[in-house]
Amino acid sequence: MLMPITDDHLVDEQIQLANATSRPLYLIIIATKPCYIKLASLILALSRNGCAFLAIDVGQHYEKKLVHARHELQYEHLISIFLNVRGDLLGRTAELADRVNWLYLYLKKRQFKGQAIPVVSGDTSTAGMFPALWYFKTRLRSIHVEAGLRSLSPFDRQQMPDNFSEILDLQRTRQSWTMIQDEPFPEAADTRLASVCSQLFFTPVSLNTKNMLREGADMKDIHQVGSLSADALELIMKETVQTSVFDVYPFLREGRWLRVDIHRRENISYQVLSGLFKAIQELCGKGFRIVIVVSNAMNKGIRTLGLEDLWADLQKQEGVKVTPLWTHYQHVIEFMSSPHCQGIYTDSGGLQEETQVLDIPCITCRYSTDRPETILHVQNNILVPPYSASLISSSLEYILEHGQSIFSNHDKLLYSRNVGEKMADILRDYVPLPMLAMQDIFDDSVL
């Protein structure tokens, strides 16, 4: 088991600030690749406006290609604690519980006197479990960034059409959409769990606000601020490109490419991946260019599901290119913003937001989406579920040939701007539920 690493000087500086001002100490919990990207502007804004905070890297994602954004977005020097949590879904949850206890004792040892309030983001397993564990330890409630994400779907799985026109018609009919409680797994549960032990909720759009109200949150505790994705894009596009993605992958300079990026658990199955590979092979046989960015999950799926032969055949197809996961967030945005990007076929939630901000066609490889506003409010996104190879192939072919008549994006400020600043302004004045001090309710000496 790896032990936590701390920058005691930075921690003490922030604890002294919190103690001197009798204000909360915000624990900014960074867990996965999207956290490293999205939380950047909030961390930088808190640093600018004098709020006491500790940026805490949990370690759920730890490989350089997954965490490089903390360097690119210029806040790595503000991370004061690395919890070094590792393991599978259950293993890291158990380890996280141990680290929550360690963090409590560590802050107590460093003479912290007030309320330490976790700030978690999105729908990661860390976001789901950390607020509950901290609440059990201290009775303190957390703050949930990107609260209210709920998956909606226009499809009946038992009566799935196998042609794109019907697939599209179902999505354009608002009345056909219903909430899907367990998609994606486990993220759909994680986002609900994150809110259960939280007191303050930052929602991206009105749909998320309505979800929180329907589930019992008080309107005074909800702040609809937009998505930090919009801030991350603005930050990264200000940075000078050191090495272009087109130098790393020169083939991308030739023509226009559909970028395929798949990593969700429900898509790492024999049926989905084999159908996807067959569809890509068929499309490239008709002259389309497709670059497949191989996630850790897809790579493992190919090995464990017996797809090596199909995968090898696909890579022989002219027009197919395969790359490892792109380490640099800047490379993803540089490519998507270029005329060489024809669109994105992805199961990522964050990319659905980013493509909307950048006004790039997004095609989502899922039966549902937790960003339904990208379809219902604007039409920058289309669901093409991995139902069959023929559906994927025919749908993508039609979209790539007729995209201009399908996509529209009339609300360029759907996810707002300066979101991190708005959150930091709210946190500067936020008053948590009253308590005398951070207190371990299981400590017999206080009972």
Protein backbone atom coordinates (compact mmCIF):
# COMPACT_ATOMS: atom_id res chain seq x y z
CA MET A 1 0.00 0.00 0.00
CA LEU A 2 1.38 3.41 -0.99
CA MET A 3 1.40 6.03 1.74
CA PRO A 4 0.04 9.58 1.39
CA ILE A 5 2.45 12.34 0.38
CA THR A 6 2.01 15.85 1.78
CA ASP A 7 3.45 19.31 1.27
CA ASP A 8 3.29 20.28 4.93
CA HIS A 9 4.34 23.89 4.29
CA LEU A 10 1.51 24.43 1.81
CA VAL A 11 -0.97 22.64 4.10
CA ASP A 12 0.04 24.71 7.13
CA GLU A 13 -0.24 27.92 5.13
CA GLN A 14 -3.85 27.13 4.19
CA ILE A 15 -4.76 25.91 7.68
CA GLN A 16 -3.43 29.14 9.19
CA LEU A 17 -5.51 31.13 6.70
CA ALA A 18 -8.67 29.19 7.59
CA ASN A 19 -8.02 29.47 11.33
CA ALA A 20 -7.24 33.19 11.14
CA THR A 21 -10.38 34.02 9.13
CA SER A 22 -12.71 31.49 10.85
CA ARG A 23 -13.68 30.33 7.38
CA PRO A 24 -14.05 26.77 6.05
CA LEU A 25 -11.06 24.90 4.70
CA TYR A 26 -12.19 23.53 1.33
CA LEU A 27 -10.87 20.09 0.41
CA ILE A 28 -10.83 20.00 -3.40
CA ILE A 29 -10.96 16.29 -4.22
CA ILE A 30 -9.30 15.40 -7.55
CA ALA A 31 -9.95 11.83 -8.64
CA THR A 32 -9.94 11.10 -12.38
CA LYS A 33 -8.86 12.54 -15.72
CA PRO A 34 -12.01 14.73 -16.04
CA CYS A 35 -11.35 16.14 -12.53
CA TYR A 36 -7.83 17.18 -13.49
CA ILE A 37 -9.31 19.12 -16.41
CA LYS A 38 -12.51 20.53 -14.96
CA LEU A 39 -11.36 21.54 -11.48
CA ALA A 40 -8.46 23.61 -12.78
CA SER A 41 -10.29 26.93 -13.05
CA LEU A 42 -11.93 26.50 -9.62
CA ILE A 43 -8.59 25.78 -7.95
CA LEU A 44 -6.97 28.77 -9.67
CA ALA A 45 -9.91 31.02 -8.74
CA LEU A 46 -9.79 29.95 -5.08
CA SER A 47 -6.08 30.70 -5.04
CA ARG A 48 -6.67 34.17 -6.48
CA ASN A 49 -9.52 35.16 -4.16
CA GLY A 50 -7.89 34.08 -0.92
CA CYS A 51 -10.12 31.15 0.04
CA ALA A 52 -8.41 28.56 2.23
CA PHE A 53 -8.26 25.24 0.36
CA LEU A 54 -6.27 22.06 -0.04
CA ALA A 55 -6.10 20.50 -3.50
CA ILE A 56 -6.05 16.76 -2.78
CA ASP A 57 -5.07 14.25 -5.45
CA VAL A 58 -6.79 10.98 -4.51
CA GLY A 59 -5.01 8.76 -7.04
CA GLN A 60 -8.00 7.00 -8.64
CA HIS A 61 -6.27 7.90 -11.92
CA TYR A 62 -2.51 8.14 -11.63
CA GLU A 63 -0.84 7.34 -14.96
CA LYS A 64 0.85 10.33 -16.61
CA LYS A 65 -1.40 10.12 -19.66
CA LEU A 66 -4.43 10.48 -17.37
CA VAL A 67 -3.19 13.22 -15.03
CA HIS A 68 -1.08 15.40 -17.33
CA ALA A 69 -3.75 18.13 -17.42
CA ARG A 70 -2.76 19.30 -13.93
CA HIS A 71 0.57 20.35 -15.47
CA GLU A 72 -0.90 21.71 -18.71
CA LEU A 73 -3.46 23.83 -16.86
CA GLN A 74 -0.83 25.33 -14.57
CA TYR A 75 -1.98 24.28 -11.10
CA GLU A 76 0.19 21.27 -10.23
CA HIS A 77 2.12 23.40 -7.72
CA LEU A 78 -1.10 23.98 -5.75
CA ILE A 79 -1.70 20.29 -5.00
CA SER A 80 -0.76 19.78 -1.37
CA ILE A 81 -1.77 16.17 -0.62
CA PHE A 82 -1.52 12.95 -2.64
CA LEU A 83 -3.58 10.20 -1.00
CA ASN A 84 -2.23 7.49 -3.38
CA VAL A 85 -5.43 5.41 -3.36
CA ARG A 86 -5.20 2.39 -5.68
CA GLY A 87 -7.20 -0.71 -6.54
CA ASP A 88 -10.35 -1.83 -8.31
CA LEU A 89 -13.78 -0.39 -7.58
CA LEU A 90 -14.21 -2.11 -4.20
CA GLY A 91 -10.53 -2.10 -3.32
CA ARG A 92 -10.05 1.62 -3.72
CA THR A 93 -13.30 2.31 -1.83
CA ALA A 94 -11.91 0.40 1.16
CA GLU A 95 -8.59 2.20 0.82
CA LEU A 96 -10.37 5.54 0.50
CA ALA A 97 -12.08 4.94 3.84
CA ASP A 98 -8.68 4.41 5.44
CA ARG A 99 -7.35 7.62 3.84
CA VAL A 100 -10.36 9.63 4.99
CA ASN A 101 -9.53 8.60 8.54
CA TRP A 102 -5.85 9.44 7.92
CA LEU A 103 -6.78 12.87 6.51
CA TYR A 104 -8.95 13.68 9.52
CA LEU A 105 -6.13 12.83 11.92
CA TYR A 106 -3.58 14.68 9.80
CA LEU A 107 -5.61 17.91 9.80
CA LYS A 108 -6.15 17.59 13.53
CA LYS A 109 -2.40 17.11 14.06
CA ARG A 110 -1.70 20.23 11.97
CA GLN A 111 -3.83 22.27 14.42
CA PHE A 112 -6.82 22.87 12.16
CA LYS A 113 -9.64 24.32 14.28
CA GLY A 114 -12.61 24.79 11.97
CA GLN A 115 -14.73 22.97 9.40
CA ALA A 116 -13.08 21.09 6.52
CA ILE A 117 -15.60 20.89 3.67
CA PRO A 118 -14.94 18.45 0.80
CA VAL A 119 -15.64 19.64 -2.75
CA VAL A 120 -16.20 16.71 -5.12
CA SER A 121 -16.84 16.80 -8.84
CA GLY A 122 -19.03 14.79 -11.17
CA ASP A 123 -19.81 11.10 -11.04
CA THR A 124 -16.60 9.28 -10.14
CA SER A 125 -16.51 6.55 -7.50
CA THR A 126 -14.43 8.93 -5.37
CA ALA A 127 -17.09 11.64 -5.71
CA GLY A 128 -19.72 9.11 -4.69
CA MET A 129 -17.91 7.73 -1.63
CA PHE A 130 -15.81 10.58 -0.23
CA PRO A 131 -18.77 12.72 0.99
CA ALA A 132 -20.35 9.74 2.72
CA LEU A 133 -17.11 8.67 4.39
CA TRP A 134 -16.32 12.24 5.49
CA TYR A 135 -19.87 12.67 6.79
CA PHE A 136 -19.62 9.46 8.82
CA LYS A 137 -16.32 10.65 10.26
CA THR A 138 -17.14 14.30 10.96
CA ARG A 139 -20.88 14.99 10.42
CA LEU A 140 -19.80 17.60 7.86
CA ARG A 141 -21.57 17.73 4.51
CA SER A 142 -19.78 18.23 1.20
CA ILE A 143 -20.19 20.42 -1.87
CA HIS A 144 -21.06 18.69 -5.14
CA VAL A 145 -19.80 20.23 -8.36
CA GLU A 146 -21.71 19.10 -11.47
CA ALA A 147 -24.64 17.93 -9.39
CA GLY A 148 -27.84 16.69 -10.96
CA LEU A 149 -26.41 14.63 -13.82
CA ARG A 150 -29.05 12.04 -14.70
CA SER A 151 -29.20 9.84 -17.78
CA LEU A 152 -32.15 10.09 -20.13
CA SER A 153 -32.92 7.88 -23.11
CA PRO A 154 -35.41 8.06 -25.98
CA PHE A 155 -35.18 4.32 -26.67
CA ASP A 156 -37.07 1.21 -25.65
CA ARG A 157 -34.41 -1.53 -25.55
CA GLN A 158 -37.03 -4.15 -26.39
CA GLN A 159 -38.09 -2.34 -29.57
CA MET A 160 -34.89 -0.83 -30.92
CA PRO A 161 -35.15 0.29 -34.55
CA ASP A 162 -32.29 -0.78 -36.78
CA ASN A 163 -32.20 2.27 -39.03
CA PHE A 164 -30.87 5.75 -38.48
CA SER A 165 -33.95 7.74 -39.51
CA GLU A 166 -36.04 6.18 -36.74
CA ILE A 167 -33.17 6.54 -34.27
CA LEU A 168 -32.97 10.24 -35.08
CA ASP A 169 -36.74 10.79 -34.98
CA LEU A 170 -36.97 9.29 -31.50
CA GLN A 171 -34.30 11.69 -30.24
CA ARG A 172 -36.01 14.74 -31.67
CA THR A 173 -39.28 13.91 -29.88
CA ARG A 174 -38.99 15.28 -26.36
CA GLN A 175 -41.92 13.23 -25.06
CA SER A 176 -40.17 9.92 -25.77
CA TRP A 177 -37.33 10.53 -23.30
CA THR A 178 -37.32 8.74 -19.94
CA MET A 179 -34.86 8.61 -17.06
CA ILE A 180 -32.54 5.61 -16.88
CA GLN A 181 -31.45 5.11 -13.28
CA ASP A 182 -28.53 2.71 -13.72
CA GLU A 183 -26.71 4.12 -16.76
CA PRO A 184 -23.86 4.53 -16.98
CA PHE A 185 -22.58 2.05 -14.40
CA PRO A 186 -21.38 2.88 -11.80
CA GLU A 187 -21.39 6.61 -12.55
CA ALA A 188 -25.18 6.95 -12.37
CA ALA A 189 -25.09 5.73 -8.77
CA ASP A 190 -21.94 7.70 -7.95
CA THR A 191 -23.50 11.06 -8.82
CA ARG A 192 -26.55 10.35 -6.66
CA LEU A 193 -24.38 9.20 -3.76
CA ALA A 194 -22.25 12.34 -4.04
CA SER A 195 -25.30 14.52 -3.49
CA VAL A 196 -26.80 12.51 -0.61
CA CYS A 197 -24.16 13.74 1.87
CA SER A 198 -23.70 17.17 0.31
CA GLN A 199 -25.27 20.47 1.34
CA LEU A 200 -24.36 22.78 -1.56
CA PHE A 201 -24.94 21.88 -5.20
CA PHE A 202 -23.38 23.46 -8.28
CA THR A 203 -25.47 22.48 -11.32
CA PRO A 204 -24.43 23.01 -14.96
CA VAL A 205 -27.81 23.64 -16.64
CA SER A 206 -31.52 23.92 -15.82
CA LEU A 207 -32.18 20.20 -16.40
CA ASN A 208 -29.72 19.40 -13.61
CA THR A 209 -31.33 21.95 -11.31
CA LYS A 210 -34.76 20.42 -11.94
CA ASN A 211 -33.36 16.97 -11.16
CA MET A 212 -32.04 18.15 -7.80
CA LEU A 213 -35.32 19.86 -6.90
CA ARG A 214 -37.31 16.77 -7.83
CA GLU A 215 -35.08 14.70 -5.55
CA GLY A 216 -35.65 16.97 -2.57
CA ALA A 217 -32.82 19.52 -2.58
CA ASP A 218 -33.68 23.01 -1.36
CA MET A 219 -33.51 25.73 -4.00
CA LYS A 220 -31.41 27.92 -1.70
CA ASP A 221 -28.70 25.22 -1.74
CA ILE A 222 -28.55 25.01 -5.55
CA HIS A 223 -26.46 27.31 -7.72
CA GLN A 224 -26.78 26.91 -11.47
CA VAL A 225 -23.37 28.09 -12.66
CA GLY A 226 -22.57 26.23 -15.89
CA SER A 227 -19.90 23.64 -16.55
CA LEU A 228 -16.21 23.90 -15.73
CA SER A 229 -15.57 22.30 -19.13
CA ALA A 230 -16.10 25.72 -20.70
CA ASP A 231 -13.40 27.20 -18.44
CA ALA A 232 -10.96 24.36 -19.14
CA LEU A 233 -11.27 24.95 -22.87
CA GLU A 234 -10.60 28.64 -22.45
CA LEU A 235 -7.56 27.94 -20.26
CA ILE A 236 -6.01 25.34 -22.56
CA MET A 237 -6.54 27.40 -25.70
CA LYS A 238 -4.52 30.24 -24.14
CA GLU A 239 -1.52 27.95 -23.75
CA THR A 240 1.14 27.89 -26.47
CA VAL A 241 1.26 24.60 -28.34
CA GLN A 242 4.71 23.16 -27.63
CA THR A 243 4.37 20.08 -29.83
CA SER A 244 1.46 19.85 -32.24
CA VAL A 245 -0.74 16.77 -32.35
CA PHE A 246 -0.14 16.86 -36.10
CA ASP A 247 3.59 16.41 -35.48
CA VAL A 248 2.94 13.50 -33.11
CA TYR A 249 0.48 11.90 -35.56
CA PRO A 250 1.33 13.30 -39.04
CA PHE A 251 -1.33 11.18 -40.76
CA LEU A 252 -3.98 13.46 -39.22
CA ARG A 253 -2.90 16.22 -41.62
CA GLU A 254 -4.32 14.22 -44.52
CA GLY A 255 -8.06 14.73 -45.03
CA ARG A 256 -10.74 14.68 -42.35
CA TRP A 257 -11.07 12.16 -39.54
CA LEU A 258 -13.72 10.77 -37.22
CA ARG A 259 -12.17 10.29 -33.78
CA VAL A 260 -13.46 7.19 -31.93
CA ASP A 261 -13.00 7.12 -28.16
CA ILE A 262 -14.68 4.32 -26.15
CA HIS A 263 -14.11 3.45 -22.49
CA ARG A 264 -17.43 2.91 -20.61
CA ARG A 265 -17.91 -0.41 -18.83
CA GLU A 266 -21.17 -1.16 -20.67
CA ASN A 267 -19.37 -0.77 -24.00
CA ILE A 268 -16.50 -3.10 -23.14
CA SER A 269 -18.30 -6.27 -24.18
CA TYR A 270 -17.81 -8.72 -27.03
CA GLN A 271 -21.05 -7.70 -28.72
CA VAL A 272 -20.34 -3.97 -28.62
CA LEU A 273 -16.65 -4.01 -29.53
CA SER A 274 -16.99 -6.62 -32.27
CA GLY A 275 -19.90 -4.68 -33.79
CA LEU A 276 -17.97 -1.43 -33.54
CA PHE A 277 -14.87 -2.90 -35.21
CA LYS A 278 -16.94 -4.39 -38.05
CA ALA A 279 -18.73 -1.08 -38.58
CA ILE A 280 -15.46 0.86 -38.70
CA GLN A 281 -14.00 -1.60 -41.18
CA GLU A 282 -17.05 -1.21 -43.41
CA LEU A 283 -16.98 2.59 -43.23
CA CYS A 284 -13.28 2.83 -44.05
CA GLY A 285 -13.83 0.44 -46.93
CA LYS A 286 -16.12 3.15 -48.35
CA GLY A 287 -13.43 5.81 -48.09
CA PHE A 288 -13.95 7.34 -44.65
CA ARG A 289 -11.00 8.02 -42.35
CA ILE A 290 -11.27 6.94 -38.71
CA VAL A 291 -8.72 7.28 -35.91
CA ILE A 292 -9.32 5.03 -32.91
CA VAL A 293 -7.85 6.29 -29.63
CA VAL A 294 -7.36 3.19 -27.49
CA SER A 295 -8.33 3.65 -23.84
CA ASN A 296 -7.03 1.39 -21.09
CA ALA A 297 -10.49 -0.19 -20.88
CA MET A 298 -10.69 -0.93 -24.61
CA ASN A 299 -7.18 -2.35 -24.64
CA LYS A 300 -8.05 -4.68 -21.77
CA GLY A 301 -11.33 -5.65 -23.45
CA ILE A 302 -9.59 -6.63 -26.68
CA ARG A 303 -7.24 -8.92 -24.75
CA THR A 304 -9.75 -10.50 -22.37
CA LEU A 305 -12.70 -10.90 -24.78
CA GLY A 306 -10.77 -12.76 -27.48
CA LEU A 307 -10.94 -9.95 -30.03
CA GLU A 308 -7.27 -9.93 -31.04
CA ASP A 309 -7.85 -11.38 -34.53
CA LEU A 310 -10.71 -9.00 -35.35
CA TRP A 311 -8.65 -6.10 -34.01
CA ALA A 312 -5.63 -7.10 -36.10
CA ASP A 313 -7.78 -7.36 -39.25
CA LEU A 314 -9.29 -3.94 -38.59
CA GLN A 315 -5.89 -2.30 -38.39
CA LYS A 316 -5.03 -3.65 -41.86
CA GLN A 317 -7.98 -1.75 -43.35
CA GLU A 318 -6.98 1.33 -45.32
CA GLY A 319 -8.32 4.47 -43.67
CA VAL A 320 -8.06 3.08 -40.11
CA LYS A 321 -5.44 4.49 -37.77
CA VAL A 322 -4.92 3.49 -34.15
CA THR A 323 -3.19 5.52 -31.44
CA PRO A 324 -2.66 5.12 -27.70
CA LEU A 325 -4.52 7.48 -25.36
CA TRP A 326 -3.44 11.05 -26.04
CA THR A 327 -1.48 12.27 -23.01
CA HIS A 328 -1.96 15.97 -23.72
CA TYR A 329 -5.38 17.54 -23.24
CA GLN A 330 -4.10 20.27 -25.53
CA HIS A 331 -3.73 17.73 -28.35
CA VAL A 332 -7.36 16.65 -28.05
CA ILE A 333 -8.58 20.25 -28.27
CA GLU A 334 -6.12 21.18 -31.04
CA PHE A 335 -7.38 18.31 -33.18
CA MET A 336 -11.06 18.90 -32.47
CA SER A 337 -10.70 22.60 -33.28
CA SER A 338 -9.00 21.90 -36.61
CA PRO A 339 -10.56 21.41 -40.06
CA HIS A 340 -9.21 17.84 -39.97
CA CYS A 341 -11.80 16.81 -37.36
CA GLN A 342 -15.03 15.61 -38.97
CA GLY A 343 -16.57 14.67 -35.65
CA ILE A 344 -16.28 12.56 -32.51
CA TYR A 345 -17.82 9.16 -31.79
CA THR A 346 -17.49 8.74 -28.04
CA ASP A 347 -19.09 7.47 -24.85
CA SER A 348 -17.50 10.27 -22.79
CA GLY A 349 -19.69 12.73 -20.89
CA GLY A 350 -17.04 15.43 -20.82
CA LEU A 351 -16.52 15.30 -24.58
CA GLN A 352 -20.24 15.87 -25.09
CA GLU A 353 -19.81 19.16 -23.24
CA GLU A 354 -16.54 20.13 -24.90
CA THR A 355 -17.80 19.50 -28.43
CA GLN A 356 -20.83 21.67 -27.70
CA VAL A 357 -18.66 24.56 -26.53
CA LEU A 358 -16.36 24.14 -29.55
CA ASP A 359 -19.34 23.66 -31.92
CA ILE A 360 -18.07 20.31 -33.21
CA PRO A 361 -20.42 17.43 -34.13
CA CYS A 362 -20.64 14.85 -31.36
CA ILE A 363 -21.97 11.32 -31.86
CA THR A 364 -22.48 9.43 -28.62
CA CYS A 365 -21.99 5.66 -28.47
CA ARG A 366 -24.61 5.07 -25.79
CA TYR A 367 -28.32 4.31 -25.42
CA SER A 368 -28.69 7.22 -23.03
CA THR A 369 -26.92 10.44 -22.15
CA ASP A 370 -26.36 12.35 -18.92
CA ARG A 371 -25.98 15.48 -21.06
CA PRO A 372 -29.43 15.42 -22.69
CA GLU A 373 -29.31 19.22 -23.05
CA THR A 374 -26.88 18.71 -25.95
CA ILE A 375 -29.73 17.03 -27.84
CA LEU A 376 -32.89 18.53 -26.38
CA HIS A 377 -31.79 22.15 -25.90
CA VAL A 378 -29.32 22.35 -28.76
CA GLN A 379 -28.77 19.67 -31.40
CA ASN A 380 -25.03 19.36 -31.26
CA ASN A 381 -25.12 15.70 -30.25
CA ILE A 382 -26.72 12.51 -31.61
CA LEU A 383 -27.03 9.15 -29.90
CA VAL A 384 -25.93 6.22 -32.05
CA PRO A 385 -26.23 3.25 -29.68
CA PRO A 386 -23.97 0.24 -30.31
CA TYR A 387 -26.99 -1.95 -31.09
CA SER A 388 -25.49 -3.66 -34.12
CA ALA A 389 -22.67 -3.26 -36.63
CA SER A 390 -25.18 -2.36 -39.34
CA LEU A 391 -26.81 0.38 -37.24
CA ILE A 392 -23.45 1.90 -36.31
CA SER A 393 -22.19 1.76 -39.89
CA SER A 394 -25.31 3.13 -41.59
CA SER A 395 -25.82 5.83 -38.96
CA LEU A 396 -22.25 7.09 -39.02
CA GLU A 397 -22.21 7.04 -42.82
CA TYR A 398 -25.35 9.17 -43.00
CA ILE A 399 -24.13 11.58 -40.33
CA LEU A 400 -20.70 12.03 -41.91
CA GLU A 401 -22.27 12.71 -45.30
CA HIS A 402 -25.18 14.93 -44.14
CA GLY A 403 -23.89 16.43 -40.90
CA GLN A 404 -24.63 20.04 -41.80
CA SER A 405 -28.34 19.29 -42.10
CA ILE A 406 -28.47 17.33 -38.82
CA PHE A 407 -26.51 19.36 -36.28
CA SER A 408 -27.36 22.80 -34.96
CA ASN A 409 -25.97 24.65 -31.97
CA HIS A 410 -27.80 27.91 -31.38
CA ASP A 411 -26.77 28.41 -27.73
CA LYS A 412 -23.00 28.87 -27.63
CA LEU A 413 -23.19 29.82 -23.93
CA LEU A 414 -25.14 26.71 -22.89
CA TYR A 415 -22.42 25.89 -20.33
CA SER A 416 -21.74 29.53 -19.43
CA ARG A 417 -18.30 31.11 -18.92
CA ASN A 418 -16.11 32.06 -15.92
CA VAL A 419 -17.67 29.16 -14.02
CA GLY A 420 -14.75 28.68 -11.63
CA GLU A 421 -14.89 32.36 -10.65
CA LYS A 422 -18.63 32.11 -9.96
CA MET A 423 -18.09 29.07 -7.74
CA ALA A 424 -15.19 30.70 -5.89
CA ASP A 425 -17.29 33.82 -5.23
CA ILE A 426 -20.03 31.66 -3.74
CA LEU A 427 -17.57 29.65 -1.64
CA ARG A 428 -15.97 32.83 -0.32
CA ASP A 429 -19.25 33.65 1.46
CA TYR A 430 -20.60 30.12 2.02
CA VAL A 431 -21.62 29.29 5.58
CA PRO A 432 -21.81 25.54 6.23
CA LEU A 433 -24.32 24.02 8.61
CA PRO A 434 -23.34 25.16 12.11
CA MET A 435 -20.98 22.98 14.11
CA LEU A 436 -18.55 23.84 16.89
CA ALA A 437 -15.63 22.17 15.14
CA MET A 438 -14.67 19.23 13.00
CA GLN A 439 -15.47 16.34 15.27
CA ASP A 440 -15.18 12.57 15.13
CA ILE A 441 -18.59 11.30 16.27
CA PHE A 442 -17.09 7.88 16.96
CA ASP A 443 -14.52 9.30 19.37
CA ASP A 444 -15.67 8.12 22.80
CA SER A 445 -14.09 11.15 24.47
CA VAL A 446 -16.68 13.48 22.92
CA LEU A 447 -19.76 11.33 23.63
